[in-house]
Amino acid sequence: MSNTYTPQEWNRMTIRAGGKRIEYWINGIKVMDYIDEGLKASREGNIGFQLHDGTVMQVAYKNIRVRELNKK
């Protein structure tokens, strides 16, 4: 992810969650595409933001948008 994430700069993160699938992009590069087949997998709930790698850090957010996915 060293070429994807830029420390000390604003980074654009996009998350799409629909049904069992979660997709995640950093600065336009898809870094995760996961399908949760677990019987207890959540299909609805709260949205939370977190970042932790064990070091002391400052986290800031701007221009957060939540949009409903088009239903198929």
Protein backbone atom coordinates (compact mmCIF):
# COMPACT_ATOMS: atom_id res chain seq x y z
CA MET A 1 0.00 0.00 0.00
CA SER A 2 3.05 2.28 0.08
CA ASN A 3 2.23 3.66 -3.40
CA THR A 4 -1.47 3.97 -2.56
CA TYR A 5 -1.53 5.83 0.75
CA THR A 6 0.23 9.20 1.12
CA PRO A 7 1.20 10.03 4.73
CA GLN A 8 0.80 13.65 5.85
CA GLU A 9 -1.58 14.35 2.93
CA TRP A 10 -5.33 14.03 2.42
CA ASN A 11 -6.19 10.60 1.03
CA ARG A 12 -9.50 9.71 -0.61
CA MET A 13 -11.14 6.58 0.75
CA THR A 14 -14.24 5.04 -0.80
CA ILE A 15 -16.19 2.19 0.76
CA ARG A 16 -19.10 0.42 -0.95
CA ALA A 17 -21.06 -2.07 1.15
CA GLY A 18 -24.01 -3.89 -0.35
CA GLY A 19 -25.46 -7.22 0.71
CA LYS A 20 -22.59 -9.54 1.58
CA ARG A 21 -19.96 -7.57 -0.38
CA ILE A 22 -17.62 -4.82 0.83
CA GLU A 23 -15.31 -2.97 -1.57
CA TYR A 24 -12.65 -0.47 -0.46
CA TRP A 25 -10.54 2.00 -2.47
CA ILE A 26 -7.71 4.31 -1.41
CA ASN A 27 -7.00 7.17 -3.80
CA GLY A 28 -8.87 5.38 -6.58
CA ILE A 29 -7.00 2.07 -6.20
CA LYS A 30 -9.11 -0.90 -5.11
CA VAL A 31 -7.40 -2.46 -2.11
CA MET A 32 -10.14 -4.83 -0.89
CA ASP A 33 -13.07 -6.76 -2.35
CA TYR A 34 -14.58 -9.03 0.29
CA ILE A 35 -17.69 -11.20 0.39
CA ASP A 36 -18.79 -12.18 3.89
CA GLU A 37 -20.46 -15.57 3.75
CA GLY A 38 -20.83 -15.80 7.54
CA LEU A 39 -24.29 -16.61 8.85
CA LYS A 40 -24.05 -13.74 11.36
CA ALA A 41 -22.75 -11.15 8.88
CA SER A 42 -24.43 -7.76 9.35
CA ARG A 43 -26.59 -6.43 6.54
CA GLU A 44 -27.41 -3.17 8.30
CA GLY A 45 -26.14 -1.09 11.18
CA ASN A 46 -23.98 1.86 12.17
CA ILE A 47 -21.09 3.32 10.21
CA GLY A 48 -17.88 3.78 12.20
CA PHE A 49 -14.51 5.30 11.34
CA GLN A 50 -11.31 4.02 12.87
CA LEU A 51 -7.63 3.83 12.11
CA HIS A 52 -5.06 2.29 14.39
CA ASP A 53 -1.68 0.72 13.84
CA GLY A 54 -0.43 0.85 17.43
CA THR A 55 1.21 4.27 17.20
CA VAL A 56 0.06 7.64 18.46
CA MET A 57 -1.51 9.51 15.58
CA GLN A 58 -3.88 12.25 14.60
CA VAL A 59 -6.85 11.39 12.40
CA ALA A 60 -8.94 13.98 10.57
CA TYR A 61 -11.90 13.67 8.21
CA LYS A 62 -13.43 16.04 5.68
CA ASN A 63 -16.14 15.93 3.02
CA ILE A 64 -17.80 12.75 4.30
CA ARG A 65 -20.72 11.64 2.15
CA VAL A 66 -23.06 8.69 2.64
CA ARG A 67 -25.20 7.67 -0.31
CA GLU A 68 -27.69 4.89 -0.78
CA LEU A 69 -26.71 2.32 -3.40
CA ASN A 70 -29.00 1.81 -6.37
CA LYS A 71 -31.17 -1.23 -5.71
CA LYS A 72 -31.09 -3.92 -8.38
